PDB file of N, CA and C in Angstrom:
ATOM      1  N   UNK A   1      10.636 -11.779 -13.029  1.00  0.00           N
ATOM      2  CA  UNK A   1      10.683 -10.415 -13.543  1.00  0.00           C
ATOM      3  C   UNK A   1      10.731  -9.444 -12.363  1.00  0.00           C
ATOM      4  N   UNK A   2      11.635  -8.491 -12.430  1.00  0.00           N
ATOM      5  CA  UNK A   2      11.798  -7.527 -11.344  1.00  0.00           C
ATOM      6  C   UNK A   2      10.633  -6.542 -11.326  1.00  0.00           C
ATOM      7  N   UNK A   3      10.212  -6.184 -10.116  1.00  0.00           N
ATOM      8  CA  UNK A   3       9.138  -5.213  -9.964  1.00  0.00           C
ATOM      9  C   UNK A   3       9.671  -3.828 -10.313  1.00  0.00           C
ATOM     10  N   UNK A   4       8.850  -3.056 -11.020  1.00  0.00           N
ATOM     11  CA  UNK A   4       9.257  -1.706 -11.404  1.00  0.00           C
ATOM     12  C   UNK A   4       9.304  -0.820 -10.174  1.00  0.00           C
ATOM     13  N   UNK A   5      10.294   0.066 -10.153  1.00  0.00           N
ATOM     14  CA  UNK A   5      10.410   1.042  -9.076  1.00  0.00           C
ATOM     15  C   UNK A   5      10.085   2.415  -9.655  1.00  0.00           C
ATOM     16  N   UNK A   6       9.326   3.184  -8.870  1.00  0.00           N
ATOM     17  CA  UNK A   6       8.867   4.478  -9.349  1.00  0.00           C
ATOM     18  C   UNK A   6       9.345   5.613  -8.456  1.00  0.00           C
ATOM     19  N   UNK A   7       9.528   6.763  -9.087  1.00  0.00           N
ATOM     20  CA  UNK A   7       9.709   8.024  -8.392  1.00  0.00           C
ATOM     21  C   UNK A   7       8.359   8.719  -8.507  1.00  0.00           C
ATOM     22  N   UNK A   8       7.769   9.056  -7.361  1.00  0.00           N
ATOM     23  CA  UNK A   8       6.416   9.609  -7.347  1.00  0.00           C
ATOM     24  C   UNK A   8       6.449  11.130  -7.334  1.00  0.00           C
ATOM     25  N   UNK A   9       5.617  11.734  -8.172  1.00  0.00           N
ATOM     26  CA  UNK A   9       5.533  13.190  -8.303  1.00  0.00           C
ATOM     27  C   UNK A   9       4.111  13.626  -7.995  1.00  0.00           C
ATOM     28  N   UNK A  10       4.010  14.591  -7.116  1.00  0.00           N
ATOM     29  CA  UNK A  10       2.692  15.115  -6.752  1.00  0.00           C
ATOM     30  C   UNK A  10       2.149  15.949  -7.901  1.00  0.00           C
ATOM     31  N   UNK A  11       0.920  15.623  -8.340  1.00  0.00           N
ATOM     32  CA  UNK A  11       0.316  16.367  -9.442  1.00  0.00           C
ATOM     33  C   UNK A  11      -0.864  17.222  -8.992  1.00  0.00           C
ATOM     34  N   UNK A  12      -1.347  16.994  -7.766  1.00  0.00           N
ATOM     35  CA  UNK A  12      -2.436  17.817  -7.210  1.00  0.00           C
ATOM     36  C   UNK A  12      -2.537  17.546  -5.713  1.00  0.00           C
ATOM     37  N   UNK A  13      -3.018  18.540  -4.971  1.00  0.00           N
ATOM     38  CA  UNK A  13      -3.258  18.348  -3.541  1.00  0.00           C
ATOM     39  C   UNK A  13      -4.482  17.479  -3.295  1.00  0.00           C
ATOM     40  N   UNK A  14      -5.452  17.547  -4.216  1.00  0.00           N
ATOM     41  CA  UNK A  14      -6.690  16.767  -4.091  1.00  0.00           C
ATOM     42  C   UNK A  14      -7.219  16.509  -5.508  1.00  0.00           C
ATOM     43  N   UNK A  15      -7.895  15.400  -5.697  1.00  0.00           N
ATOM     44  CA  UNK A  15      -8.409  15.049  -7.026  1.00  0.00           C
ATOM     45  C   UNK A  15      -9.327  16.130  -7.595  1.00  0.00           C
ATOM     46  N   UNK A  16     -10.041  16.844  -6.733  1.00  0.00           N
ATOM     47  CA  UNK A  16     -10.950  17.892  -7.209  1.00  0.00           C
ATOM     48  C   UNK A  16     -10.203  19.051  -7.871  1.00  0.00           C
ATOM     49  N   UNK A  17      -8.914  19.218  -7.566  1.00  0.00           N
ATOM     50  CA  UNK A  17      -8.114  20.290  -8.162  1.00  0.00           C
ATOM     51  C   UNK A  17      -7.759  20.034  -9.621  1.00  0.00           C
ATOM     52  N   UNK A  18      -7.911  18.794 -10.072  1.00  0.00           N
ATOM     53  CA  UNK A  18      -7.509  18.465 -11.439  1.00  0.00           C
ATOM     54  C   UNK A  18      -8.433  19.072 -12.490  1.00  0.00           C
ATOM     55  N   UNK A  19      -9.653  19.409 -12.122  1.00  0.00           N
ATOM     56  CA  UNK A  19     -10.553  20.102 -13.042  1.00  0.00           C
ATOM     57  C   UNK A  19     -10.980  19.259 -14.233  1.00  0.00           C
ATOM     58  N   UNK A  20     -11.567  18.110 -13.962  1.00  0.00           N
ATOM     59  CA  UNK A  20     -12.018  17.241 -15.042  1.00  0.00           C
ATOM     60  C   UNK A  20     -13.080  17.932 -15.876  1.00  0.00           C
ATOM     61  N   UNK A  21     -12.949  17.809 -17.202  1.00  0.00           N
ATOM     62  CA  UNK A  21     -13.953  18.340 -18.125  1.00  0.00           C
ATOM     63  C   UNK A  21     -15.121  17.362 -18.184  1.00  0.00           C
ATOM     64  N   UNK A  22     -16.141  17.706 -18.939  1.00  0.00           N
ATOM     65  CA  UNK A  22     -17.318  16.849 -19.088  1.00  0.00           C
ATOM     66  C   UNK A  22     -16.967  15.470 -19.651  1.00  0.00           C
ATOM     67  N   UNK A  23     -15.836  15.377 -20.366  1.00  0.00           N
ATOM     68  CA  UNK A  23     -15.405  14.099 -20.942  1.00  0.00           C
ATOM     69  C   UNK A  23     -14.592  13.254 -19.955  1.00  0.00           C
ATOM     70  N   UNK A  24     -14.510  13.700 -18.695  1.00  0.00           N
ATOM     71  CA  UNK A  24     -13.753  13.012 -17.630  1.00  0.00           C
ATOM     72  C   UNK A  24     -12.256  12.943 -17.888  1.00  0.00           C
ATOM     73  N   UNK A  25     -11.740  13.940 -18.607  1.00  0.00           N
ATOM     74  CA  UNK A  25     -10.299  14.043 -18.854  1.00  0.00           C
ATOM     75  C   UNK A  25      -9.835  15.404 -18.370  1.00  0.00           C
ATOM     76  N   UNK A  26      -8.727  15.402 -17.617  1.00  0.00           N
ATOM     77  CA  UNK A  26      -8.116  16.640 -17.137  1.00  0.00           C
ATOM     78  C   UNK A  26      -6.690  16.719 -17.686  1.00  0.00           C
ATOM     79  N   UNK A  27      -6.133  17.912 -17.695  1.00  0.00           N
ATOM     80  CA  UNK A  27      -4.746  18.121 -18.114  1.00  0.00           C
ATOM     81  C   UNK A  27      -3.980  18.659 -16.927  1.00  0.00           C
ATOM     82  N   UNK A  28      -2.807  18.089 -16.687  1.00  0.00           N
ATOM     83  CA  UNK A  28      -1.940  18.560 -15.615  1.00  0.00           C
ATOM     84  C   UNK A  28      -0.496  18.410 -16.093  1.00  0.00           C
ATOM     85  N   UNK A  29       0.453  18.590 -15.181  1.00  0.00           N
ATOM     86  CA  UNK A  29       1.859  18.442 -15.541  1.00  0.00           C
ATOM     87  C   UNK A  29       2.525  17.366 -14.709  1.00  0.00           C
ATOM     88  N   UNK A  30       3.423  16.642 -15.345  1.00  0.00           N
ATOM     89  CA  UNK A  30       4.281  15.659 -14.693  1.00  0.00           C
ATOM     90  C   UNK A  30       5.704  15.979 -15.121  1.00  0.00           C
ATOM     91  N   UNK A  31       6.544  16.329 -14.155  1.00  0.00           N
ATOM     92  CA  UNK A  31       7.940  16.682 -14.437  1.00  0.00           C
ATOM     93  C   UNK A  31       8.044  17.755 -15.522  1.00  0.00           C
ATOM     94  N   UNK A  32       7.128  18.735 -15.483  1.00  0.00           N
ATOM     95  CA  UNK A  32       7.192  19.867 -16.402  1.00  0.00           C
ATOM     96  C   UNK A  32       6.579  19.629 -17.769  1.00  0.00           C
ATOM     97  N   UNK A  33       5.986  18.481 -18.015  1.00  0.00           N
ATOM     98  CA  UNK A  33       5.359  18.171 -19.304  1.00  0.00           C
ATOM     99  C   UNK A  33       3.863  17.942 -19.116  1.00  0.00           C
ATOM    100  N   UNK A  34       3.058  18.356 -20.101  1.00  0.00           N
ATOM    101  CA  UNK A  34       1.617  18.147 -20.040  1.00  0.00           C
ATOM    102  C   UNK A  34       1.295  16.665 -20.169  1.00  0.00           C
ATOM    103  N   UNK A  35       0.380  16.204 -19.312  1.00  0.00           N
ATOM    104  CA  UNK A  35      -0.166  14.856 -19.410  1.00  0.00           C
ATOM    105  C   UNK A  35      -1.673  14.943 -19.205  1.00  0.00           C
ATOM    106  N   UNK A  36      -2.362  13.863 -19.516  1.00  0.00           N
ATOM    107  CA  UNK A  36      -3.800  13.779 -19.272  1.00  0.00           C
ATOM    108  C   UNK A  36      -4.068  12.858 -18.093  1.00  0.00           C
ATOM    109  N   UNK A  37      -5.128  13.172 -17.383  1.00  0.00           N
ATOM    110  CA  UNK A  37      -5.634  12.311 -16.320  1.00  0.00           C
ATOM    111  C   UNK A  37      -7.062  11.950 -16.717  1.00  0.00           C
ATOM    112  N   UNK A  38      -7.328  10.656 -16.810  1.00  0.00           N
ATOM    113  CA  UNK A  38      -8.658  10.190 -17.165  1.00  0.00           C
ATOM    114  C   UNK A  38      -9.339   9.551 -15.974  1.00  0.00           C
ATOM    115  N   UNK A  39     -10.644   9.751 -15.858  1.00  0.00           N
ATOM    116  CA  UNK A  39     -11.423   9.185 -14.758  1.00  0.00           C
ATOM    117  C   UNK A  39     -12.471   8.253 -15.351  1.00  0.00           C
ATOM    118  N   UNK A  40     -12.499   6.994 -14.824  1.00  0.00           N
ATOM    119  CA  UNK A  40     -13.468   6.015 -15.295  1.00  0.00           C
ATOM    120  C   UNK A  40     -13.799   5.063 -14.154  1.00  0.00           C
ATOM    121  N   UNK A  41     -15.087   4.929 -13.838  1.00  0.00           N
ATOM    122  CA  UNK A  41     -15.534   4.020 -12.766  1.00  0.00           C
ATOM    123  C   UNK A  41     -14.767   4.203 -11.458  1.00  0.00           C
ATOM    124  N   UNK A  42     -14.657   5.423 -11.004  1.00  0.00           N
ATOM    125  CA  UNK A  42     -13.997   5.740  -9.726  1.00  0.00           C
ATOM    126  C   UNK A  42     -12.493   5.487  -9.717  1.00  0.00           C
ATOM    127  N   UNK A  43     -11.893   5.198 -10.869  1.00  0.00           N
ATOM    128  CA  UNK A  43     -10.440   5.040 -10.967  1.00  0.00           C
ATOM    129  C   UNK A  43      -9.889   6.180 -11.804  1.00  0.00           C
ATOM    130  N   UNK A  44      -8.623   6.534 -11.556  1.00  0.00           N
ATOM    131  CA  UNK A  44      -7.989   7.554 -12.392  1.00  0.00           C
ATOM    132  C   UNK A  44      -6.725   6.977 -13.010  1.00  0.00           C
ATOM    133  N   UNK A  45      -6.401   7.518 -14.193  1.00  0.00           N
ATOM    134  CA  UNK A  45      -5.284   7.019 -14.983  1.00  0.00           C
ATOM    135  C   UNK A  45      -4.519   8.210 -15.555  1.00  0.00           C
ATOM    136  N   UNK A  46      -3.213   8.076 -15.677  1.00  0.00           N
ATOM    137  CA  UNK A  46      -2.379   9.112 -16.281  1.00  0.00           C
ATOM    138  C   UNK A  46      -1.842   8.597 -17.611  1.00  0.00           C
ATOM    139  N   UNK A  47      -1.952   9.429 -18.644  1.00  0.00           N
ATOM    140  CA  UNK A  47      -1.477   9.030 -19.962  1.00  0.00           C
ATOM    141  C   UNK A  47      -1.022  10.261 -20.750  1.00  0.00           C
ATOM    142  N   UNK A  48      -0.351  10.005 -21.867  1.00  0.00           N
ATOM    143  CA  UNK A  48       0.243  11.073 -22.668  1.00  0.00           C
ATOM    144  C   UNK A  48      -0.800  12.093 -23.130  1.00  0.00           C
ATOM    145  N   UNK A  49      -0.351  13.316 -23.280  1.00  0.00           N
ATOM    146  CA  UNK A  49      -1.196  14.420 -23.719  1.00  0.00           C
ATOM    147  C   UNK A  49      -1.594  14.277 -25.192  1.00  0.00           C
ATOM    148  N   UNK A  50      -0.676  13.730 -26.006  1.00  0.00           N
ATOM    149  CA  UNK A  50      -0.927  13.614 -27.443  1.00  0.00           C
ATOM    150  C   UNK A  50      -0.946  12.155 -27.882  1.00  0.00           C
ATOM    151  N   UNK A  51      -1.777  11.879 -28.859  1.00  0.00           N
ATOM    152  CA  UNK A  51      -1.880  10.546 -29.440  1.00  0.00           C
ATOM    153  C   UNK A  51      -0.576  10.212 -30.171  1.00  0.00           C
ATOM    154  N   UNK A  52      -0.062   8.989 -30.005  1.00  0.00           N
ATOM    155  CA  UNK A  52       1.186   8.617 -30.683  1.00  0.00           C
ATOM    156  C   UNK A  52       1.034   8.468 -32.196  1.00  0.00           C
ATOM    157  N   UNK A  53      -0.174   8.410 -32.699  1.00  0.00           N
ATOM    158  CA  UNK A  53      -0.379   8.251 -34.140  1.00  0.00           C
ATOM    159  C   UNK A  53      -0.145   9.557 -34.900  1.00  0.00           C
ATOM    160  N   UNK A  54      -0.948  10.571 -34.599  1.00  0.00           N
ATOM    161  CA  UNK A  54      -0.862  11.819 -35.368  1.00  0.00           C
ATOM    162  C   UNK A  54      -0.845  13.063 -34.482  1.00  0.00           C
ATOM    163  N   UNK A  55      -0.628  12.884 -33.182  1.00  0.00           N
ATOM    164  CA  UNK A  55      -0.479  14.026 -32.294  1.00  0.00           C
ATOM    165  C   UNK A  55      -1.768  14.688 -31.861  1.00  0.00           C
ATOM    166  N   UNK A  56      -2.904  14.023 -32.033  1.00  0.00           N
ATOM    167  CA  UNK A  56      -4.165  14.587 -31.561  1.00  0.00           C
ATOM    168  C   UNK A  56      -4.128  14.800 -30.060  1.00  0.00           C
ATOM    169  N   UNK A  57      -4.705  15.889 -29.593  1.00  0.00           N
ATOM    170  CA  UNK A  57      -4.726  16.198 -28.164  1.00  0.00           C
ATOM    171  C   UNK A  57      -5.800  15.329 -27.514  1.00  0.00           C
ATOM    172  N   UNK A  58      -5.364  14.384 -26.697  1.00  0.00           N
ATOM    173  CA  UNK A  58      -6.286  13.415 -26.127  1.00  0.00           C
ATOM    174  C   UNK A  58      -7.288  14.034 -25.162  1.00  0.00           C
ATOM    175  N   UNK A  59      -6.963  15.180 -24.576  1.00  0.00           N
ATOM    176  CA  UNK A  59      -7.915  15.873 -23.696  1.00  0.00           C
ATOM    177  C   UNK A  59      -9.134  16.364 -24.480  1.00  0.00           C
ATOM    178  N   UNK A  60      -9.028  16.422 -25.795  1.00  0.00           N
ATOM    179  CA  UNK A  60     -10.146  16.833 -26.640  1.00  0.00           C
ATOM    180  C   UNK A  60     -10.944  15.627 -27.135  1.00  0.00           C
ATOM    181  N   UNK A  61     -10.498  14.424 -26.755  1.00  0.00           N
ATOM    182  CA  UNK A  61     -11.204  13.197 -27.122  1.00  0.00           C
ATOM    183  C   UNK A  61     -12.227  12.848 -26.059  1.00  0.00           C
ATOM    184  N   UNK A  62     -12.445  11.564 -25.872  1.00  0.00           N
ATOM    185  CA  UNK A  62     -13.411  11.135 -24.860  1.00  0.00           C
ATOM    186  C   UNK A  62     -13.045   9.747 -24.362  1.00  0.00           C
ATOM    187  N   UNK A  63     -13.705   9.336 -23.295  1.00  0.00           N
ATOM    188  CA  UNK A  63     -13.531   7.998 -22.746  1.00  0.00           C
ATOM    189  C   UNK A  63     -14.785   7.205 -23.108  1.00  0.00           C
ATOM    190  N   UNK A  64     -14.584   6.064 -23.777  1.00  0.00           N
ATOM    191  CA  UNK A  64     -15.743   5.286 -24.222  1.00  0.00           C
ATOM    192  C   UNK A  64     -16.324   4.436 -23.093  1.00  0.00           C
ATOM    193  N   UNK A  65     -17.369   3.694 -23.383  1.00  0.00           N
ATOM    194  CA  UNK A  65     -18.090   2.907 -22.373  1.00  0.00           C
ATOM    195  C   UNK A  65     -17.245   1.781 -21.771  1.00  0.00           C
ATOM    196  N   UNK A  66     -16.148   1.413 -22.438  1.00  0.00           N
ATOM    197  CA  UNK A  66     -15.268   0.359 -21.928  1.00  0.00           C
ATOM    198  C   UNK A  66     -14.070   0.918 -21.158  1.00  0.00           C
ATOM    199  N   UNK A  67     -13.960   2.245 -21.077  1.00  0.00           N
ATOM    200  CA  UNK A  67     -12.861   2.863 -20.348  1.00  0.00           C
ATOM    201  C   UNK A  67     -11.633   3.127 -21.184  1.00  0.00           C
ATOM    202  N   UNK A  68     -11.782   3.171 -22.491  1.00  0.00           N
ATOM    203  CA  UNK A  68     -10.668   3.498 -23.384  1.00  0.00           C
ATOM    204  C   UNK A  68     -10.705   4.978 -23.721  1.00  0.00           C
ATOM    205  N   UNK A  69      -9.526   5.599 -23.809  1.00  0.00           N
ATOM    206  CA  UNK A  69      -9.490   6.981 -24.267  1.00  0.00           C
ATOM    207  C   UNK A  69      -9.469   6.941 -25.792  1.00  0.00           C
ATOM    208  N   UNK A  70     -10.278   7.820 -26.408  1.00  0.00           N
ATOM    209  CA  UNK A  70     -10.443   7.841 -27.857  1.00  0.00           C
ATOM    210  C   UNK A  70      -9.896   9.162 -28.392  1.00  0.00           C
ATOM    211  N   UNK A  71      -8.963   9.070 -29.334  1.00  0.00           N
ATOM    212  CA  UNK A  71      -8.355  10.264 -29.929  1.00  0.00           C
ATOM    213  C   UNK A  71      -9.387  11.004 -30.779  1.00  0.00           C
ATOM    214  N   UNK A  72      -9.419  12.338 -30.689  1.00  0.00           N
ATOM    215  CA  UNK A  72     -10.408  13.106 -31.453  1.00  0.00           C
ATOM    216  C   UNK A  72     -10.122  13.160 -32.956  1.00  0.00           C
ATOM    217  N   UNK A  73      -8.898  12.864 -33.392  1.00  0.00           N
ATOM    218  CA  UNK A  73      -8.583  12.984 -34.817  1.00  0.00           C
ATOM    219  C   UNK A  73      -9.045  11.791 -35.644  1.00  0.00           C
ATOM    220  N   UNK A  74      -8.605  10.595 -35.275  1.00  0.00           N
ATOM    221  CA  UNK A  74      -8.901   9.417 -36.095  1.00  0.00           C
ATOM    222  C   UNK A  74      -9.617   8.314 -35.326  1.00  0.00           C
ATOM    223  N   UNK A  75     -10.030   8.621 -34.095  1.00  0.00           N
ATOM    224  CA  UNK A  75     -10.773   7.686 -33.242  1.00  0.00           C
ATOM    225  C   UNK A  75      -9.980   6.441 -32.844  1.00  0.00           C
ATOM    226  N   UNK A  76      -8.648   6.536 -32.815  1.00  0.00           N
ATOM    227  CA  UNK A  76      -7.854   5.427 -32.293  1.00  0.00           C
ATOM    228  C   UNK A  76      -8.143   5.324 -30.806  1.00  0.00           C
ATOM    229  N   UNK A  77      -8.224   4.091 -30.300  1.00  0.00           N
ATOM    230  CA  UNK A  77      -8.583   3.855 -28.903  1.00  0.00           C
ATOM    231  C   UNK A  77      -7.426   3.220 -28.152  1.00  0.00           C
ATOM    232  N   UNK A  78      -7.259   3.673 -26.895  1.00  0.00           N
ATOM    233  CA  UNK A  78      -6.181   3.165 -26.041  1.00  0.00           C
ATOM    234  C   UNK A  78      -6.729   2.801 -24.671  1.00  0.00           C
ATOM    235  N   UNK A  79      -6.282   1.667 -24.153  1.00  0.00           N
ATOM    236  CA  UNK A  79      -6.626   1.243 -22.797  1.00  0.00           C
ATOM    237  C   UNK A  79      -5.870   2.156 -21.833  1.00  0.00           C
ATOM    238  N   UNK A  80      -6.577   2.869 -20.977  1.00  0.00           N
ATOM    239  CA  UNK A  80      -5.921   3.808 -20.054  1.00  0.00           C
ATOM    240  C   UNK A  80      -5.080   3.091 -19.004  1.00  0.00           C
ATOM    241  N   UNK A  81      -5.365   1.818 -18.721  1.00  0.00           N
ATOM    242  CA  UNK A  81      -4.613   1.083 -17.699  1.00  0.00           C
ATOM    243  C   UNK A  81      -3.213   0.714 -18.165  1.00  0.00           C
ATOM    244  N   UNK A  82      -3.056   0.362 -19.453  1.00  0.00           N
ATOM    245  CA  UNK A  82      -1.762  -0.135 -19.915  1.00  0.00           C
ATOM    246  C   UNK A  82      -1.248   0.506 -21.200  1.00  0.00           C
ATOM    247  N   UNK A  83      -2.008   1.405 -21.799  1.00  0.00           N
ATOM    248  CA  UNK A  83      -1.567   2.105 -23.005  1.00  0.00           C
ATOM    249  C   UNK A  83      -1.744   1.320 -24.294  1.00  0.00           C
ATOM    250  N   UNK A  84      -2.264   0.099 -24.196  1.00  0.00           N
ATOM    251  CA  UNK A  84      -2.423  -0.748 -25.372  1.00  0.00           C
ATOM    252  C   UNK A  84      -3.452  -0.163 -26.333  1.00  0.00           C
ATOM    253  N   UNK A  85      -3.094  -0.161 -27.607  1.00  0.00           N
ATOM    254  CA  UNK A  85      -4.000   0.301 -28.659  1.00  0.00           C
ATOM    255  C   UNK A  85      -5.024  -0.808 -28.908  1.00  0.00           C
ATOM    256  N   UNK A  86      -6.294  -0.543 -28.589  1.00  0.00           N
ATOM    257  CA  UNK A  86      -7.320  -1.581 -28.672  1.00  0.00           C
ATOM    258  C   UNK A  86      -8.134  -1.522 -29.965  1.00  0.00           C
ATOM    259  N   UNK A  87      -7.869  -0.529 -30.816  1.00  0.00           N
ATOM    260  CA  UNK A  87      -8.595  -0.452 -32.082  1.00  0.00           C
ATOM    261  C   UNK A  87      -7.790  -1.067 -33.228  1.00  0.00           C
ATOM    262  N   UNK A  88      -6.613  -1.653 -32.917  1.00  0.00           N
ATOM    263  CA  UNK A  88      -5.892  -2.472 -33.872  1.00  0.00           C
ATOM    264  C   UNK A  88      -4.814  -1.828 -34.719  1.00  0.00           C
ATOM    265  N   UNK A  89      -4.464  -0.590 -34.487  1.00  0.00           N
ATOM    266  CA  UNK A  89      -3.465   0.073 -35.339  1.00  0.00           C
ATOM    267  C   UNK A  89      -2.028  -0.195 -34.907  1.00  0.00           C
ATOM    268  N   UNK A  90      -1.821  -0.720 -33.705  1.00  0.00           N
ATOM    269  CA  UNK A  90      -0.476  -1.100 -33.278  1.00  0.00           C
ATOM    270  C   UNK A  90       0.317  -0.042 -32.529  1.00  0.00           C
ATOM    271  N   UNK A  91      -0.289   1.054 -32.173  1.00  0.00           N
ATOM    272  CA  UNK A  91       0.420   2.097 -31.428  1.00  0.00           C
ATOM    273  C   UNK A  91       0.371   1.809 -29.935  1.00  0.00           C
ATOM    274  N   UNK A  92       1.206   2.512 -29.174  1.00  0.00           N
ATOM    275  CA  UNK A  92       1.235   2.384 -27.718  1.00  0.00           C
ATOM    276  C   UNK A  92       1.175   3.772 -27.115  1.00  0.00           C
ATOM    277  N   UNK A  93       0.258   3.975 -26.176  1.00  0.00           N
ATOM    278  CA  UNK A  93       0.096   5.261 -25.498  1.00  0.00           C
ATOM    279  C   UNK A  93       0.862   5.225 -24.190  1.00  0.00           C
ATOM    280  N   UNK A  94       1.802   6.128 -24.017  1.00  0.00           N
ATOM    281  CA  UNK A  94       2.570   6.203 -22.771  1.00  0.00           C
ATOM    282  C   UNK A  94       1.609   6.461 -21.622  1.00  0.00           C
ATOM    283  N   UNK A  95       1.825   5.752 -20.518  1.00  0.00           N
ATOM    284  CA  UNK A  95       0.964   5.929 -19.349  1.00  0.00           C
ATOM    285  C   UNK A  95       1.789   5.781 -18.083  1.00  0.00           C
ATOM    286  N   UNK A  96       1.235   6.268 -16.973  1.00  0.00           N
ATOM    287  CA  UNK A  96       1.919   6.250 -15.687  1.00  0.00           C
ATOM    288  C   UNK A  96       0.955   5.803 -14.607  1.00  0.00           C
ATOM    289  N   UNK A  97       1.463   5.132 -13.581  1.00  0.00           N
ATOM    290  CA  UNK A  97       0.586   4.770 -12.458  1.00  0.00           C
ATOM    291  C   UNK A  97       0.199   6.020 -11.670  1.00  0.00           C
ATOM    292  N   UNK A  98      -0.978   5.958 -11.054  1.00  0.00           N
ATOM    293  CA  UNK A  98      -1.481   7.073 -10.245  1.00  0.00           C
ATOM    294  C   UNK A  98      -1.880   6.537  -8.881  1.00  0.00           C
ATOM    295  N   UNK A  99      -1.553   7.295  -7.851  1.00  0.00           N
ATOM    296  CA  UNK A  99      -1.977   6.957  -6.490  1.00  0.00           C
ATOM    297  C   UNK A  99      -2.641   8.163  -5.857  1.00  0.00           C
ATOM    298  N   UNK A 100      -3.762   7.908  -5.197  1.00  0.00           N
ATOM    299  CA  UNK A 100      -4.401   8.956  -4.401  1.00  0.00           C
ATOM    300  C   UNK A 100      -4.013   8.688  -2.955  1.00  0.00           C
ATOM    301  N   UNK A 101      -3.325   9.652  -2.353  1.00  0.00           N
ATOM    302  CA  UNK A 101      -2.858   9.525  -0.973  1.00  0.00           C
ATOM    303  C   UNK A 101      -3.530  10.586  -0.112  1.00  0.00           C
ATOM    304  N   UNK A 102      -3.328  10.488   1.193  1.00  0.00           N
ATOM    305  CA  UNK A 102      -3.922  11.477   2.105  1.00  0.00           C
ATOM    306  C   UNK A 102      -3.509  12.899   1.766  1.00  0.00           C
ATOM    307  N   UNK A 103      -2.258  13.065   1.330  1.00  0.00           N
ATOM    308  CA  UNK A 103      -1.743  14.412   1.082  1.00  0.00           C
ATOM    309  C   UNK A 103      -1.799  14.826  -0.386  1.00  0.00           C
ATOM    310  N   UNK A 104      -2.420  14.026  -1.254  1.00  0.00           N
ATOM    311  CA  UNK A 104      -2.527  14.451  -2.642  1.00  0.00           C
ATOM    312  C   UNK A 104      -2.583  13.322  -3.644  1.00  0.00           C
ATOM    313  N   UNK A 105      -2.524  13.722  -4.908  1.00  0.00           N
ATOM    314  CA  UNK A 105      -2.556  12.792  -6.038  1.00  0.00           C
ATOM    315  C   UNK A 105      -1.158  12.743  -6.630  1.00  0.00           C
ATOM    316  N   UNK A 106      -0.658  11.524  -6.853  1.00  0.00           N
ATOM    317  CA  UNK A 106       0.701  11.320  -7.329  1.00  0.00           C
ATOM    318  C   UNK A 106       0.719  10.474  -8.596  1.00  0.00           C
ATOM    319  N   UNK A 107       1.653  10.791  -9.502  1.00  0.00           N
ATOM    320  CA  UNK A 107       1.910   9.961 -10.678  1.00  0.00           C
ATOM    321  C   UNK A 107       3.339   9.451 -10.561  1.00  0.00           C
ATOM    322  N   UNK A 108       3.550   8.224 -10.967  1.00  0.00           N
ATOM    323  CA  UNK A 108       4.862   7.607 -10.835  1.00  0.00           C
ATOM    324  C   UNK A 108       5.599   7.495 -12.153  1.00  0.00           C
ATOM    325  N   UNK A 109       6.878   7.876 -12.122  1.00  0.00           N
ATOM    326  CA  UNK A 109       7.754   7.679 -13.275  1.00  0.00           C
ATOM    327  C   UNK A 109       8.724   6.566 -12.907  1.00  0.00           C
ATOM    328  N   UNK A 110       9.050   5.714 -13.871  1.00  0.00           N
ATOM    329  CA  UNK A 110      10.005   4.654 -13.577  1.00  0.00           C
ATOM    330  C   UNK A 110      11.301   5.271 -13.088  1.00  0.00           C
ATOM    331  N   UNK A 111      11.817   4.723 -11.995  1.00  0.00           N
ATOM    332  CA  UNK A 111      13.079   5.217 -11.434  1.00  0.00           C
ATOM    333  C   UNK A 111      14.177   5.077 -12.481  1.00  0.00           C
ATOM    334  N   UNK A 112      14.970   6.120 -12.614  1.00  0.00           N
ATOM    335  CA  UNK A 112      16.081   6.101 -13.557  1.00  0.00           C
ATOM    336  C   UNK A 112      15.722   6.558 -14.954  1.00  0.00           C
ATOM    337  N   UNK A 113      14.431   6.795 -15.219  1.00  0.00           N
ATOM    338  CA  UNK A 113      14.075   7.267 -16.558  1.00  0.00           C
ATOM    339  C   UNK A 113      14.332   8.763 -16.622  1.00  0.00           C
ATOM    340  N   UNK A 114      15.014   9.180 -17.649  1.00  0.00           N
ATOM    341  CA  UNK A 114      15.325  10.590 -17.823  1.00  0.00           C
ATOM    342  C   UNK A 114      14.098  11.367 -18.249  1.00  0.00           C
ATOM    343  N   UNK A 115      14.103  12.657 -17.992  1.00  0.00           N
ATOM    344  CA  UNK A 115      12.971  13.510 -18.329  1.00  0.00           C
ATOM    345  C   UNK A 115      12.668  13.468 -19.819  1.00  0.00           C
ATOM    346  N   UNK A 116      13.679  13.297 -20.669  1.00  0.00           N
ATOM    347  CA  UNK A 116      13.445  13.355 -22.109  1.00  0.00           C
ATOM    348  C   UNK A 116      12.913  12.050 -22.678  1.00  0.00           C
ATOM    349  N   UNK A 117      13.092  10.922 -21.980  1.00  0.00           N
ATOM    350  CA  UNK A 117      12.597   9.688 -22.573  1.00  0.00           C
ATOM    351  C   UNK A 117      11.324   9.167 -21.921  1.00  0.00           C
ATOM    352  N   UNK A 118      10.800   9.817 -20.888  1.00  0.00           N
ATOM    353  CA  UNK A 118       9.585   9.310 -20.248  1.00  0.00           C
ATOM    354  C   UNK A 118       8.351   9.574 -21.100  1.00  0.00           C
ATOM    355  N   UNK A 119       8.444  10.457 -22.070  1.00  0.00           N
ATOM    356  CA  UNK A 119       7.271  10.814 -22.869  1.00  0.00           C
ATOM    357  C   UNK A 119       7.259  10.146 -24.226  1.00  0.00           C
ATOM    358  N   UNK A 120       8.141   9.198 -24.467  1.00  0.00           N
ATOM    359  CA  UNK A 120       8.168   8.471 -25.733  1.00  0.00           C
ATOM    360  C   UNK A 120       7.056   7.478 -25.804  1.00  0.00           C
TER     361      UNK A 120
END
């Protein structure tokens, strides 16, 4: 299987600029679209702003004790590392890799993915 190639986009100069709320979720932009950044056990993850089930704003949800983001509307849970729906409903949460570098925080989009299909 071929390794995925990413185009990296700077989302902040420093992790402290992301402004995490008490629920350890921040909102920022990737390629002009709102996304969420979740923090759990010293790791950060980038995932879609809205739940794929009913459009709940995930920044208004929370991160549970296992590191899953929980939608505020129907409590559907998603693994922030891979987007897998862990509460059994069969949905997939779009997510992106994140790197913290000396010059800032970056999120990666698959190379060749158009701006309109990266948020599906």
